Amino acid sequence: MKDMNFSDVVERSVQIRKLYQQLERQHHGSEWTVEEDALAFLTDAGLVGRLTMCQQERWPKGGNTVSELEHKLSECIWWLIVLAERMNIDINESLDQFLSKLEKQF
């Protein structure tokens, strides 16, 4: 999908997380906490680092890691959206403010 609207991405991300929460209740009797979601994000962020090293030929993993890297980068964005939503942070607004602040620095 090309040129996605960020608000749509946020909504889709939240809805997908709700589906995962249904699975968590079925399999474990409860949903993951915000802290567990944050840990899952950090785990994926660490994998982005390792896959980046591999893609840059600084870590010998072997094989084509581009598809794995694409997946993990996207998954990290998804986790950040989920975490913001769970902590009552408007990611649209906070991202706009962050980018505006950076732009003013230049």
C-alpha atoms as a PDB file:
ATOM      1  CA  MET A   1       0.000   0.000   0.000  1.00  0.00           C
ATOM      2  CA  LYS A   2       1.510   3.286  -1.124  1.00  0.00           C
ATOM      3  CA  ASP A   3       1.263   6.683   0.620  1.00  0.00           C
ATOM      4  CA  MET A   4      -0.643   5.446   3.656  1.00  0.00           C
ATOM      5  CA  ASN A   5      -2.353   7.978   5.871  1.00  0.00           C
ATOM      6  CA  PHE A   6      -0.686   7.876   9.288  1.00  0.00           C
ATOM      7  CA  SER A   7      -4.029   8.037  11.114  1.00  0.00           C
ATOM      8  CA  ASP A   8      -5.128   4.932   9.197  1.00  0.00           C
ATOM      9  CA  VAL A   9      -1.883   3.197  10.127  1.00  0.00           C
ATOM     10  CA  VAL A  10      -2.518   3.998  13.778  1.00  0.00           C
ATOM     11  CA  GLU A  11      -6.083   2.683  13.621  1.00  0.00           C
ATOM     12  CA  ARG A  12      -5.041  -0.521  11.856  1.00  0.00           C
ATOM     13  CA  SER A  13      -2.240  -1.037  14.373  1.00  0.00           C
ATOM     14  CA  VAL A  14      -4.592  -0.640  17.336  1.00  0.00           C
ATOM     15  CA  GLN A  15      -7.116  -3.052  15.830  1.00  0.00           C
ATOM     16  CA  ILE A  16      -4.442  -5.679  15.128  1.00  0.00           C
ATOM     17  CA  ARG A  17      -3.161  -5.380  18.706  1.00  0.00           C
ATOM     18  CA  LYS A  18      -6.710  -6.028  19.966  1.00  0.00           C
ATOM     19  CA  LEU A  19      -6.745  -9.267  17.956  1.00  0.00           C
ATOM     20  CA  TYR A  20      -3.465 -10.307  19.570  1.00  0.00           C
ATOM     21  CA  GLN A  21      -4.946  -9.513  22.979  1.00  0.00           C
ATOM     22  CA  GLN A  22      -7.806 -11.918  22.260  1.00  0.00           C
ATOM     23  CA  LEU A  23      -5.238 -14.641  21.563  1.00  0.00           C
ATOM     24  CA  GLU A  24      -3.358 -13.781  24.750  1.00  0.00           C
ATOM     25  CA  ARG A  25      -6.555 -14.179  26.794  1.00  0.00           C
ATOM     26  CA  GLN A  26      -7.296 -17.519  25.096  1.00  0.00           C
ATOM     27  CA  HIS A  27      -3.813 -18.934  25.571  1.00  0.00           C
ATOM     28  CA  HIS A  28      -2.679 -17.337  28.838  1.00  0.00           C
ATOM     29  CA  GLY A  29      -5.839 -16.122  30.560  1.00  0.00           C
ATOM     30  CA  SER A  30      -4.780 -12.482  30.455  1.00  0.00           C
ATOM     31  CA  GLU A  31      -3.497  -9.801  28.110  1.00  0.00           C
ATOM     32  CA  TRP A  32       0.108  -8.672  28.077  1.00  0.00           C
ATOM     33  CA  THR A  33       0.818  -5.668  30.254  1.00  0.00           C
ATOM     34  CA  VAL A  34       2.179  -2.419  28.848  1.00  0.00           C
ATOM     35  CA  GLU A  35       5.540  -3.452  30.255  1.00  0.00           C
ATOM     36  CA  GLU A  36       5.423  -6.741  28.336  1.00  0.00           C
ATOM     37  CA  ASP A  37       4.548  -4.857  25.151  1.00  0.00           C
ATOM     38  CA  ALA A  38       7.538  -2.561  25.784  1.00  0.00           C
ATOM     39  CA  LEU A  39       9.797  -5.564  26.269  1.00  0.00           C
ATOM     40  CA  ALA A  40       8.535  -7.082  23.009  1.00  0.00           C
ATOM     41  CA  PHE A  41       9.347  -3.790  21.256  1.00  0.00           C
ATOM     42  CA  LEU A  42      12.847  -3.714  22.761  1.00  0.00           C
ATOM     43  CA  THR A  43      13.452  -7.293  21.667  1.00  0.00           C
ATOM     44  CA  ASP A  44      12.463  -6.423  18.101  1.00  0.00           C
ATOM     45  CA  ALA A  45      14.548  -3.229  18.208  1.00  0.00           C
ATOM     46  CA  GLY A  46      17.551  -5.333  19.224  1.00  0.00           C
ATOM     47  CA  LEU A  47      16.916  -7.618  16.273  1.00  0.00           C
ATOM     48  CA  VAL A  48      16.864  -4.562  13.992  1.00  0.00           C
ATOM     49  CA  GLY A  49      20.342  -3.776  15.260  1.00  0.00           C
ATOM     50  CA  ARG A  50      21.623  -7.278  14.623  1.00  0.00           C
ATOM     51  CA  LEU A  51      19.979  -7.496  11.177  1.00  0.00           C
ATOM     52  CA  THR A  52      21.420  -4.095  10.296  1.00  0.00           C
ATOM     53  CA  MET A  53      24.875  -5.346  11.190  1.00  0.00           C
ATOM     54  CA  CYS A  54      24.282  -8.363   8.972  1.00  0.00           C
ATOM     55  CA  GLN A  55      22.945  -6.261   6.098  1.00  0.00           C
ATOM     56  CA  GLN A  56      26.024  -4.036   6.377  1.00  0.00           C
ATOM     57  CA  GLU A  57      28.249  -7.144   6.393  1.00  0.00           C
ATOM     58  CA  ARG A  58      29.453  -6.529   9.934  1.00  0.00           C
ATOM     59  CA  TRP A  59      27.825  -9.654  11.418  1.00  0.00           C
ATOM     60  CA  PRO A  60      27.983 -13.094   9.781  1.00  0.00           C
ATOM     61  CA  LYS A  61      24.417 -14.339   9.708  1.00  0.00           C
ATOM     62  CA  GLY A  62      24.294 -15.581   6.141  1.00  0.00           C
ATOM     63  CA  GLY A  63      21.371 -15.521   3.771  1.00  0.00           C
ATOM     64  CA  ASN A  64      19.351 -12.574   2.602  1.00  0.00           C
ATOM     65  CA  THR A  65      18.277 -10.520   5.604  1.00  0.00           C
ATOM     66  CA  VAL A  66      16.516  -7.737   3.694  1.00  0.00           C
ATOM     67  CA  SER A  67      13.032  -9.221   4.119  1.00  0.00           C
ATOM     68  CA  GLU A  68      13.669  -9.891   7.819  1.00  0.00           C
ATOM     69  CA  LEU A  69      14.936  -6.341   8.272  1.00  0.00           C
ATOM     70  CA  GLU A  70      11.917  -4.881   6.475  1.00  0.00           C
ATOM     71  CA  HIS A  71       9.629  -6.937   8.708  1.00  0.00           C
ATOM     72  CA  LYS A  72      11.353  -5.965  11.962  1.00  0.00           C
ATOM     73  CA  LEU A  73      11.543  -2.263  11.066  1.00  0.00           C
ATOM     74  CA  SER A  74       7.817  -2.258  10.355  1.00  0.00           C
ATOM     75  CA  GLU A  75       7.099  -4.279  13.478  1.00  0.00           C
ATOM     76  CA  CYS A  76       8.996  -1.727  15.585  1.00  0.00           C
ATOM     77  CA  ILE A  77       6.874   1.087  14.163  1.00  0.00           C
ATOM     78  CA  TRP A  78       3.791  -0.981  14.962  1.00  0.00           C
ATOM     79  CA  TRP A  79       4.952  -1.555  18.547  1.00  0.00           C
ATOM     80  CA  LEU A  80       5.613   2.160  19.052  1.00  0.00           C
ATOM     81  CA  ILE A  81       2.106   2.984  17.870  1.00  0.00           C
ATOM     82  CA  VAL A  82       0.672   0.317  20.173  1.00  0.00           C
ATOM     83  CA  LEU A  83       2.684   1.551  23.145  1.00  0.00           C
ATOM     84  CA  ALA A  84       1.614   5.141  22.571  1.00  0.00           C
ATOM     85  CA  GLU A  85      -2.034   4.110  22.383  1.00  0.00           C
ATOM     86  CA  ARG A  86      -1.801   2.004  25.537  1.00  0.00           C
ATOM     87  CA  MET A  87      -0.180   4.898  27.439  1.00  0.00           C
ATOM     88  CA  ASN A  88      -2.750   7.443  26.209  1.00  0.00           C
ATOM     89  CA  ILE A  89      -0.269   9.337  24.053  1.00  0.00           C
ATOM     90  CA  ASP A  90      -1.547  10.794  20.797  1.00  0.00           C
ATOM     91  CA  ILE A  91       1.227   9.602  18.508  1.00  0.00           C
ATOM     92  CA  ASN A  92       0.010  11.808  15.647  1.00  0.00           C
ATOM     93  CA  GLU A  93       0.296  14.921  17.787  1.00  0.00           C
ATOM     94  CA  SER A  94       3.517  13.971  19.546  1.00  0.00           C
ATOM     95  CA  LEU A  95       5.222  13.026  16.280  1.00  0.00           C
ATOM     96  CA  ASP A  96       4.134  16.303  14.677  1.00  0.00           C
ATOM     97  CA  GLN A  97       5.483  18.264  17.643  1.00  0.00           C
ATOM     98  CA  PHE A  98       8.747  16.317  17.572  1.00  0.00           C
ATOM     99  CA  LEU A  99       9.273  16.854  13.846  1.00  0.00           C
ATOM    100  CA  SER A 100       8.390  20.557  14.117  1.00  0.00           C
ATOM    101  CA  LYS A 101      10.922  20.980  16.927  1.00  0.00           C
ATOM    102  CA  LEU A 102      13.620  19.299  14.840  1.00  0.00           C
ATOM    103  CA  GLU A 103      12.802  21.405  11.789  1.00  0.00           C
ATOM    104  CA  LYS A 104      13.151  24.605  13.829  1.00  0.00           C
ATOM    105  CA  GLN A 105      16.638  23.550  14.875  1.00  0.00           C
ATOM    106  CA  PHE A 106      17.738  23.712  11.256  1.00  0.00           C
END
